[in-house]
Amino acid sequence: MVKTATCSGEWWKQRAVESSRNAADQAVVLEGITVACPGKLILDAIDLRVPLGCICGLLGPNGAGKTSLLRLIAGLLKPGQGRAIVLGMEIPARAEAVRRLIGYVPERDGLYDEMRVRDHLEHVARLVLPHDRQRRQAQLREVIRILALDEVLDEWCGSLSAGFRKRVALARALLGEPKLLLLDEVTNELDPLARVDFLTWLREWQRARPDRTVIFATHVLSDALVVCDRFVVLGRGKVIASVTRDELKTPEGDERKLEEALRTLLVRA
């Protein structure tokens, strides 16, 4: 049966309603997302779902599209085609509201090098929570505590080690108590001890807040294996695979083949 224009319009409206209902337990729903710049396809017909309450590893080689995908989820990049729902809200239409619920740590941390750590965090807190001084001060104390920043509060941001820069960037992202935390290659430049400390912190932070979701973009498979319970493999702007940790285990529950399975998927990327 051929649909009339009116029926077709109603069909699309119904599809949108069903999609929104199906997104109720999802932090991110992407349907047919395409992003292009002149002469290059950056994201190619991406279909992806990330459930609430997980740590999702976004894996792939440099240039796979990880940063572009995070920027799109954060409402900083508009799709050319497709539909994106983040925390139950469609973007770009409600991108501003979505950004208020997201903490984003880009690969380049964007700290104000000419400011002291304390002043930088207080400045960001005033932007995030401009009308609630009591809550603002409570959150500042909390992020300083959980990321152990007391010893560097009076240091200039520009003088910090790579490890402390990441901690300050994370503290900034956690102000406002985000429902969704986006991390872009945050373990780059960390020494082995700082890397272990960060991964331990991330796992414990999310476990203590099971309603929060983390998307952790990295090209370092070993980092993702430590903390993630879900994996999305990107290659040349396409989703190569989207699998859970349990799906990659052997029937006996053995995780020893997990790394091998993911490496096989990454080769395809």
C-alpha atoms as a PDB file:
ATOM      1  CA  MET A   1       0.000   0.000   0.000  1.00  0.00           C
ATOM      2  CA  VAL A   2       1.376   3.412  -0.975  1.00  0.00           C
ATOM      3  CA  LYS A   3       1.295   5.972   1.833  1.00  0.00           C
ATOM      4  CA  THR A   4      -0.138   9.414   1.086  1.00  0.00           C
ATOM      5  CA  ALA A   5       1.908  12.450   2.089  1.00  0.00           C
ATOM      6  CA  THR A   6      -0.291  12.893   5.161  1.00  0.00           C
ATOM      7  CA  CYS A   7       0.053   9.255   6.190  1.00  0.00           C
ATOM      8  CA  SER A   8       3.775   9.432   5.627  1.00  0.00           C
ATOM      9  CA  GLY A   9       3.981  12.457   7.892  1.00  0.00           C
ATOM     10  CA  GLU A  10       1.987  10.660  10.575  1.00  0.00           C
ATOM     11  CA  TRP A  11       4.237   7.618  10.204  1.00  0.00           C
ATOM     12  CA  TRP A  12       7.336   9.698  10.853  1.00  0.00           C
ATOM     13  CA  LYS A  13       5.698  11.346  13.863  1.00  0.00           C
ATOM     14  CA  GLN A  14       4.824   7.906  15.259  1.00  0.00           C
ATOM     15  CA  ARG A  15       8.381   6.718  14.609  1.00  0.00           C
ATOM     16  CA  ALA A  16       9.744   9.701  16.519  1.00  0.00           C
ATOM     17  CA  VAL A  17       7.433   8.973  19.470  1.00  0.00           C
ATOM     18  CA  GLU A  18       8.461   5.299  19.518  1.00  0.00           C
ATOM     19  CA  SER A  19      12.129   6.253  19.302  1.00  0.00           C
ATOM     20  CA  SER A  20      11.775   8.607  22.264  1.00  0.00           C
ATOM     21  CA  ARG A  21      10.058   5.903  24.318  1.00  0.00           C
ATOM     22  CA  ASN A  22      12.775   3.423  23.470  1.00  0.00           C
ATOM     23  CA  ALA A  23      15.367   5.982  24.588  1.00  0.00           C
ATOM     24  CA  ALA A  24      14.025   6.058  28.157  1.00  0.00           C
ATOM     25  CA  ASP A  25      16.736   3.746  29.508  1.00  0.00           C
ATOM     26  CA  GLN A  26      19.469   5.027  27.203  1.00  0.00           C
ATOM     27  CA  ALA A  27      21.970   7.812  27.821  1.00  0.00           C
ATOM     28  CA  VAL A  28      22.616   8.165  24.085  1.00  0.00           C
ATOM     29  CA  VAL A  29      20.604   7.117  21.037  1.00  0.00           C
ATOM     30  CA  LEU A  30      21.994   7.886  17.581  1.00  0.00           C
ATOM     31  CA  GLU A  31      20.134   6.947  14.409  1.00  0.00           C
ATOM     32  CA  GLY A  32      21.717   7.383  10.991  1.00  0.00           C
ATOM     33  CA  ILE A  33      24.040  10.170  12.134  1.00  0.00           C
ATOM     34  CA  THR A  34      26.208  11.592   9.378  1.00  0.00           C
ATOM     35  CA  VAL A  35      28.681  14.461   9.722  1.00  0.00           C
ATOM     36  CA  ALA A  36      30.704  15.735   6.797  1.00  0.00           C
ATOM     37  CA  CYS A  37      33.038  18.581   5.962  1.00  0.00           C
ATOM     38  CA  PRO A  38      34.086  19.593   2.432  1.00  0.00           C
ATOM     39  CA  GLY A  39      35.663  16.574   0.788  1.00  0.00           C
ATOM     40  CA  LYS A  40      35.505  14.325   3.846  1.00  0.00           C
ATOM     41  CA  LEU A  41      32.938  12.140   5.607  1.00  0.00           C
ATOM     42  CA  ILE A  42      33.666  12.331   9.350  1.00  0.00           C
ATOM     43  CA  LEU A  43      30.812  10.210  10.753  1.00  0.00           C
ATOM     44  CA  ASP A  44      29.068   7.829   8.373  1.00  0.00           C
ATOM     45  CA  ALA A  45      25.493   6.687   9.142  1.00  0.00           C
ATOM     46  CA  ILE A  46      26.183   6.046  12.835  1.00  0.00           C
ATOM     47  CA  ASP A  47      23.615   3.943  14.716  1.00  0.00           C
ATOM     48  CA  LEU A  48      24.461   3.641  18.394  1.00  0.00           C
ATOM     49  CA  ARG A  49      22.893   3.141  21.817  1.00  0.00           C
ATOM     50  CA  VAL A  50      24.658   3.661  25.121  1.00  0.00           C
ATOM     51  CA  PRO A  51      22.587   2.549  28.154  1.00  0.00           C
ATOM     52  CA  LEU A  52      22.350   4.578  31.319  1.00  0.00           C
ATOM     53  CA  GLY A  53      24.666   3.582  34.144  1.00  0.00           C
ATOM     54  CA  CYS A  54      27.636   2.114  32.280  1.00  0.00           C
ATOM     55  CA  ILE A  55      31.214   2.951  31.363  1.00  0.00           C
ATOM     56  CA  CYS A  56      31.387   2.687  27.597  1.00  0.00           C
ATOM     57  CA  GLY A  57      34.773   2.509  25.917  1.00  0.00           C
ATOM     58  CA  LEU A  58      34.907   4.288  22.569  1.00  0.00           C
ATOM     59  CA  LEU A  59      37.783   2.561  20.802  1.00  0.00           C
ATOM     60  CA  GLY A  60      39.513   3.121  17.508  1.00  0.00           C
ATOM     61  CA  PRO A  61      42.717   4.369  15.913  1.00  0.00           C
ATOM     62  CA  ASN A  62      43.537   8.055  15.619  1.00  0.00           C
ATOM     63  CA  GLY A  63      41.259   9.600  13.008  1.00  0.00           C
ATOM     64  CA  ALA A  64      38.475   7.047  13.515  1.00  0.00           C
ATOM     65  CA  GLY A  65      35.968   9.745  14.502  1.00  0.00           C
ATOM     66  CA  LYS A  66      36.022   9.400  18.307  1.00  0.00           C
ATOM     67  CA  THR A  67      36.462  13.102  19.054  1.00  0.00           C
ATOM     68  CA  SER A  68      33.824  14.120  16.508  1.00  0.00           C
ATOM     69  CA  LEU A  69      31.365  11.643  18.010  1.00  0.00           C
ATOM     70  CA  LEU A  70      31.957  12.985  21.524  1.00  0.00           C
ATOM     71  CA  ARG A  71      31.546  16.567  20.322  1.00  0.00           C
ATOM     72  CA  LEU A  72      28.277  15.638  18.656  1.00  0.00           C
ATOM     73  CA  ILE A  73      26.981  13.974  21.831  1.00  0.00           C
ATOM     74  CA  ALA A  74      28.015  17.077  23.790  1.00  0.00           C
ATOM     75  CA  GLY A  75      25.950  19.255  21.455  1.00  0.00           C
ATOM     76  CA  LEU A  76      29.022  20.977  20.027  1.00  0.00           C
ATOM     77  CA  LEU A  77      28.761  19.496  16.531  1.00  0.00           C
ATOM     78  CA  LYS A  78      25.606  19.446  14.428  1.00  0.00           C
ATOM     79  CA  PRO A  79      24.731  16.331  12.443  1.00  0.00           C
ATOM     80  CA  GLY A  80      24.203  16.722   8.732  1.00  0.00           C
ATOM     81  CA  GLN A  81      21.718  13.853   8.760  1.00  0.00           C
ATOM     82  CA  GLY A  82      20.138  11.564  11.315  1.00  0.00           C
ATOM     83  CA  ARG A  83      18.635  11.830  14.778  1.00  0.00           C
ATOM     84  CA  ALA A  84      20.395  12.160  18.125  1.00  0.00           C
ATOM     85  CA  ILE A  85      18.825  11.844  21.583  1.00  0.00           C
ATOM     86  CA  VAL A  86      21.033  12.493  24.611  1.00  0.00           C
ATOM     87  CA  LEU A  87      19.658  12.046  28.141  1.00  0.00           C
ATOM     88  CA  GLY A  88      16.162  11.952  26.685  1.00  0.00           C
ATOM     89  CA  MET A  89      16.528  15.215  24.749  1.00  0.00           C
ATOM     90  CA  GLU A  90      16.954  15.680  21.035  1.00  0.00           C
ATOM     91  CA  ILE A  91      19.972  17.558  19.753  1.00  0.00           C
ATOM     92  CA  PRO A  92      20.731  20.027  18.324  1.00  0.00           C
ATOM     93  CA  ALA A  93      17.257  21.373  19.225  1.00  0.00           C
ATOM     94  CA  ARG A  94      17.915  21.037  22.974  1.00  0.00           C
ATOM     95  CA  ALA A  95      21.695  21.126  22.907  1.00  0.00           C
ATOM     96  CA  GLU A  96      21.931  23.859  25.535  1.00  0.00           C
ATOM     97  CA  ALA A  97      19.849  21.888  28.034  1.00  0.00           C
ATOM     98  CA  VAL A  98      21.879  18.748  27.298  1.00  0.00           C
ATOM     99  CA  ARG A  99      25.166  20.557  27.895  1.00  0.00           C
ATOM    100  CA  ARG A 100      24.036  21.485  31.401  1.00  0.00           C
ATOM    101  CA  LEU A 101      23.824  17.753  32.219  1.00  0.00           C
ATOM    102  CA  ILE A 102      27.144  16.758  30.654  1.00  0.00           C
ATOM    103  CA  GLY A 103      30.715  16.916  31.895  1.00  0.00           C
ATOM    104  CA  TYR A 104      33.199  16.968  29.018  1.00  0.00           C
ATOM    105  CA  VAL A 105      36.979  16.584  29.220  1.00  0.00           C
ATOM    106  CA  PRO A 106      38.488  17.146  25.754  1.00  0.00           C
ATOM    107  CA  GLU A 107      41.904  15.830  24.789  1.00  0.00           C
ATOM    108  CA  ARG A 108      43.270  19.370  25.058  1.00  0.00           C
ATOM    109  CA  ASP A 109      42.179  20.293  28.563  1.00  0.00           C
ATOM    110  CA  GLY A 110      41.654  24.027  27.990  1.00  0.00           C
ATOM    111  CA  LEU A 111      42.809  25.058  31.466  1.00  0.00           C
ATOM    112  CA  TYR A 112      43.511  28.751  32.012  1.00  0.00           C
ATOM    113  CA  ASP A 113      47.269  28.566  32.477  1.00  0.00           C
ATOM    114  CA  GLU A 114      47.456  32.119  33.848  1.00  0.00           C
ATOM    115  CA  MET A 115      45.049  31.312  36.703  1.00  0.00           C
ATOM    116  CA  ARG A 116      45.659  29.475  39.936  1.00  0.00           C
ATOM    117  CA  VAL A 117      43.836  26.167  40.313  1.00  0.00           C
ATOM    118  CA  ARG A 118      41.553  27.492  43.061  1.00  0.00           C
ATOM    119  CA  ASP A 119      40.568  30.559  41.031  1.00  0.00           C
ATOM    120  CA  HIS A 120      40.018  28.517  37.884  1.00  0.00           C
ATOM    121  CA  LEU A 121      37.668  26.063  39.597  1.00  0.00           C
ATOM    122  CA  GLU A 122      35.793  28.854  41.376  1.00  0.00           C
ATOM    123  CA  HIS A 123      35.377  30.679  38.062  1.00  0.00           C
ATOM    124  CA  VAL A 124      33.917  27.582  36.390  1.00  0.00           C
ATOM    125  CA  ALA A 125      31.688  26.865  39.399  1.00  0.00           C
ATOM    126  CA  ARG A 126      30.196  30.360  39.177  1.00  0.00           C
ATOM    127  CA  LEU A 127      29.355  29.742  35.523  1.00  0.00           C
ATOM    128  CA  VAL A 128      27.809  26.333  36.225  1.00  0.00           C
ATOM    129  CA  LEU A 129      25.939  27.307  39.411  1.00  0.00           C
ATOM    130  CA  PRO A 130      25.548  31.095  39.268  1.00  0.00           C
ATOM    131  CA  HIS A 131      22.607  31.442  41.678  1.00  0.00           C
ATOM    132  CA  ASP A 132      23.311  28.910  44.419  1.00  0.00           C
ATOM    133  CA  ARG A 133      26.403  29.862  46.399  1.00  0.00           C
ATOM    134  CA  GLN A 134      25.926  27.217  49.084  1.00  0.00           C
ATOM    135  CA  ARG A 135      25.627  24.391  46.563  1.00  0.00           C
ATOM    136  CA  ARG A 136      28.515  25.830  44.570  1.00  0.00           C
ATOM    137  CA  GLN A 137      30.841  25.828  47.565  1.00  0.00           C
ATOM    138  CA  ALA A 138      29.752  22.314  48.560  1.00  0.00           C
ATOM    139  CA  GLN A 139      30.500  20.990  45.080  1.00  0.00           C
ATOM    140  CA  LEU A 140      33.877  22.711  44.979  1.00  0.00           C
ATOM    141  CA  ARG A 141      34.832  21.062  48.265  1.00  0.00           C
ATOM    142  CA  GLU A 142      33.637  17.686  46.964  1.00  0.00           C
ATOM    143  CA  VAL A 143      35.540  17.695  43.648  1.00  0.00           C
ATOM    144  CA  ILE A 144      38.678  18.956  45.380  1.00  0.00           C
ATOM    145  CA  ARG A 145      38.369  16.111  47.881  1.00  0.00           C
ATOM    146  CA  ILE A 146      37.660  13.251  45.495  1.00  0.00           C
ATOM    147  CA  LEU A 147      40.440  14.287  43.098  1.00  0.00           C
ATOM    148  CA  ALA A 148      42.934  15.134  45.881  1.00  0.00           C
ATOM    149  CA  LEU A 149      43.679  18.652  44.653  1.00  0.00           C
ATOM    150  CA  ASP A 150      44.352  20.353  48.010  1.00  0.00           C
ATOM    151  CA  GLU A 151      48.106  20.436  47.498  1.00  0.00           C
ATOM    152  CA  VAL A 152      47.906  22.291  44.165  1.00  0.00           C
ATOM    153  CA  LEU A 153      45.066  24.760  44.791  1.00  0.00           C
ATOM    154  CA  ASP A 154      47.476  27.697  44.957  1.00  0.00           C
ATOM    155  CA  GLU A 155      49.574  26.557  41.979  1.00  0.00           C
ATOM    156  CA  TRP A 156      49.308  28.143  38.557  1.00  0.00           C
ATOM    157  CA  CYS A 157      47.489  25.870  36.115  1.00  0.00           C
ATOM    158  CA  GLY A 158      50.330  26.368  33.641  1.00  0.00           C
ATOM    159  CA  SER A 159      52.851  24.889  36.083  1.00  0.00           C
ATOM    160  CA  LEU A 160      50.989  21.625  36.759  1.00  0.00           C
ATOM    161  CA  SER A 161      52.204  18.178  35.753  1.00  0.00           C
ATOM    162  CA  ALA A 162      50.202  16.291  33.121  1.00  0.00           C
ATOM    163  CA  GLY A 163      48.597  14.169  35.832  1.00  0.00           C
ATOM    164  CA  PHE A 164      47.407  17.135  37.870  1.00  0.00           C
ATOM    165  CA  ARG A 165      46.196  18.937  34.744  1.00  0.00           C
ATOM    166  CA  LYS A 166      43.929  15.955  34.042  1.00  0.00           C
ATOM    167  CA  ARG A 167      42.686  15.984  37.622  1.00  0.00           C
ATOM    168  CA  VAL A 168      41.810  19.679  37.428  1.00  0.00           C
ATOM    169  CA  ALA A 169      40.078  19.171  34.074  1.00  0.00           C
ATOM    170  CA  LEU A 170      38.062  16.328  35.607  1.00  0.00           C
ATOM    171  CA  ALA A 171      37.184  18.431  38.645  1.00  0.00           C
ATOM    172  CA  ARG A 172      35.929  21.154  36.320  1.00  0.00           C
ATOM    173  CA  ALA A 173      33.812  18.626  34.389  1.00  0.00           C
ATOM    174  CA  LEU A 174      32.286  17.215  37.588  1.00  0.00           C
ATOM    175  CA  LEU A 175      30.982  20.585  38.770  1.00  0.00           C
ATOM    176  CA  GLY A 176      27.237  20.564  38.307  1.00  0.00           C
ATOM    177  CA  GLU A 177      27.059  16.811  39.005  1.00  0.00           C
ATOM    178  CA  PRO A 178      26.790  15.673  35.367  1.00  0.00           C
ATOM    179  CA  LYS A 179      24.604  12.740  34.399  1.00  0.00           C
ATOM    180  CA  LEU A 180      26.899  11.935  31.476  1.00  0.00           C
ATOM    181  CA  LEU A 181      30.694  12.227  31.557  1.00  0.00           C
ATOM    182  CA  LEU A 182      32.558  12.385  28.226  1.00  0.00           C
ATOM    183  CA  LEU A 183      36.298  11.712  28.342  1.00  0.00           C
ATOM    184  CA  ASP A 184      38.500  12.157  25.270  1.00  0.00           C
ATOM    185  CA  GLU A 185      41.907  10.437  25.419  1.00  0.00           C
ATOM    186  CA  VAL A 186      42.340  11.580  29.022  1.00  0.00           C
ATOM    187  CA  THR A 187      45.090   9.059  29.807  1.00  0.00           C
ATOM    188  CA  ASN A 188      47.391  10.485  27.134  1.00  0.00           C
ATOM    189  CA  GLU A 189      50.615  11.907  28.594  1.00  0.00           C
ATOM    190  CA  LEU A 190      50.017  10.313  31.986  1.00  0.00           C
ATOM    191  CA  ASP A 191      52.878   8.385  33.538  1.00  0.00           C
ATOM    192  CA  PRO A 192      52.132   4.747  34.494  1.00  0.00           C
ATOM    193  CA  LEU A 193      51.312   5.524  38.131  1.00  0.00           C
ATOM    194  CA  ALA A 194      49.054   8.474  37.272  1.00  0.00           C
ATOM    195  CA  ARG A 195      47.320   6.314  34.668  1.00  0.00           C
ATOM    196  CA  VAL A 196      46.558   3.586  37.221  1.00  0.00           C
ATOM    197  CA  ASP A 197      45.348   6.203  39.715  1.00  0.00           C
ATOM    198  CA  PHE A 198      43.005   7.743  37.161  1.00  0.00           C
ATOM    199  CA  LEU A 199      41.513   4.440  36.000  1.00  0.00           C
ATOM    200  CA  THR A 200      40.976   3.354  39.605  1.00  0.00           C
ATOM    201  CA  TRP A 201      39.284   6.659  40.386  1.00  0.00           C
ATOM    202  CA  LEU A 202      37.022   6.457  37.324  1.00  0.00           C
ATOM    203  CA  ARG A 203      35.838   2.946  38.117  1.00  0.00           C
ATOM    204  CA  GLU A 204      35.141   3.794  41.762  1.00  0.00           C
ATOM    205  CA  TRP A 205      33.435   7.090  40.891  1.00  0.00           C
ATOM    206  CA  GLN A 206      30.945   5.428  38.541  1.00  0.00           C
ATOM    207  CA  ARG A 207      30.291   2.452  40.828  1.00  0.00           C
ATOM    208  CA  ALA A 208      29.405   4.862  43.622  1.00  0.00           C
ATOM    209  CA  ARG A 209      26.990   6.618  41.242  1.00  0.00           C
ATOM    210  CA  PRO A 210      25.288   3.813  39.278  1.00  0.00           C
ATOM    211  CA  ASP A 211      22.871   6.221  37.598  1.00  0.00           C
ATOM    212  CA  ARG A 212      25.755   8.078  35.902  1.00  0.00           C
ATOM    213  CA  THR A 213      27.117   7.175  32.482  1.00  0.00           C
ATOM    214  CA  VAL A 214      30.671   7.545  31.198  1.00  0.00           C
ATOM    215  CA  ILE A 215      31.857   7.453  27.587  1.00  0.00           C
ATOM    216  CA  PHE A 216      35.620   7.012  27.573  1.00  0.00           C
ATOM    217  CA  ALA A 217      37.288   7.529  24.190  1.00  0.00           C
ATOM    218  CA  THR A 218      40.745   6.008  23.895  1.00  0.00           C
ATOM    219  CA  HIS A 219      43.049   4.291  21.440  1.00  0.00           C
ATOM    220  CA  VAL A 220      44.706   2.423  24.346  1.00  0.00           C
ATOM    221  CA  LEU A 221      42.919  -0.917  24.599  1.00  0.00           C
ATOM    222  CA  SER A 222      44.465  -1.850  27.945  1.00  0.00           C
ATOM    223  CA  ASP A 223      42.952   1.260  29.570  1.00  0.00           C
ATOM    224  CA  ALA A 224      39.466   0.428  28.316  1.00  0.00           C
ATOM    225  CA  LEU A 225      39.787  -3.169  29.500  1.00  0.00           C
ATOM    226  CA  VAL A 226      40.399  -1.993  33.075  1.00  0.00           C
ATOM    227  CA  VAL A 227      37.234   0.072  33.483  1.00  0.00           C
ATOM    228  CA  CYS A 228      34.686  -0.477  30.707  1.00  0.00           C
ATOM    229  CA  ASP A 229      31.699  -2.800  30.714  1.00  0.00           C
ATOM    230  CA  ARG A 230      30.733  -1.910  27.151  1.00  0.00           C
ATOM    231  CA  PHE A 231      32.828  -1.296  24.028  1.00  0.00           C
ATOM    232  CA  VAL A 232      32.143   0.573  20.795  1.00  0.00           C
ATOM    233  CA  VAL A 233      34.735   0.211  18.035  1.00  0.00           C
ATOM    234  CA  LEU A 234      34.949   2.999  15.457  1.00  0.00           C
ATOM    235  CA  GLY A 235      36.793   2.911  12.166  1.00  0.00           C
ATOM    236  CA  ARG A 236      36.773   5.520   9.387  1.00  0.00           C
ATOM    237  CA  GLY A 237      33.722   7.168  10.859  1.00  0.00           C
ATOM    238  CA  LYS A 238      31.673   3.959  11.083  1.00  0.00           C
ATOM    239  CA  VAL A 239      30.634   1.774  14.020  1.00  0.00           C
ATOM    240  CA  ILE A 240      32.485  -1.507  13.490  1.00  0.00           C
ATOM    241  CA  ALA A 241      31.051  -3.136  16.612  1.00  0.00           C
ATOM    242  CA  SER A 242      29.075  -2.353  19.760  1.00  0.00           C
ATOM    243  CA  VAL A 243      29.360  -5.107  22.363  1.00  0.00           C
ATOM    244  CA  THR A 244      29.181  -5.658  26.101  1.00  0.00           C
ATOM    245  CA  ARG A 245      31.908  -7.196  28.201  1.00  0.00           C
ATOM    246  CA  ASP A 246      29.699 -10.214  28.858  1.00  0.00           C
ATOM    247  CA  GLU A 247      29.144 -10.779  25.138  1.00  0.00           C
ATOM    248  CA  LEU A 248      32.888 -11.102  24.597  1.00  0.00           C
ATOM    249  CA  LYS A 249      33.458 -13.604  27.395  1.00  0.00           C
ATOM    250  CA  THR A 250      33.789 -17.295  26.644  1.00  0.00           C
ATOM    251  CA  PRO A 251      30.755 -19.485  27.469  1.00  0.00           C
ATOM    252  CA  GLU A 252      32.546 -20.403  30.697  1.00  0.00           C
ATOM    253  CA  GLY A 253      32.744 -16.723  31.705  1.00  0.00           C
ATOM    254  CA  ASP A 254      36.478 -16.524  31.016  1.00  0.00           C
ATOM    255  CA  GLU A 255      37.642 -12.972  30.237  1.00  0.00           C
ATOM    256  CA  ARG A 256      41.096 -13.982  29.032  1.00  0.00           C
ATOM    257  CA  LYS A 257      39.903 -13.925  25.427  1.00  0.00           C
ATOM    258  CA  LEU A 258      38.397 -10.447  25.849  1.00  0.00           C
ATOM    259  CA  GLU A 259      41.492  -8.548  24.743  1.00  0.00           C
ATOM    260  CA  GLU A 260      42.013 -10.889  21.801  1.00  0.00           C
ATOM    261  CA  ALA A 261      38.422 -10.398  20.635  1.00  0.00           C
ATOM    262  CA  LEU A 262      38.677  -6.615  20.858  1.00  0.00           C
ATOM    263  CA  ARG A 263      42.018  -6.591  19.053  1.00  0.00           C
ATOM    264  CA  THR A 264      40.398  -8.533  16.225  1.00  0.00           C
ATOM    265  CA  LEU A 265      37.663  -5.903  15.996  1.00  0.00           C
ATOM    266  CA  LEU A 266      40.206  -3.072  16.068  1.00  0.00           C
ATOM    267  CA  VAL A 267      42.103  -4.608  13.156  1.00  0.00           C
ATOM    268  CA  ARG A 268      38.919  -4.202  11.130  1.00  0.00           C
ATOM    269  CA  ALA A 269      38.837  -0.498  12.070  1.00  0.00           C
END
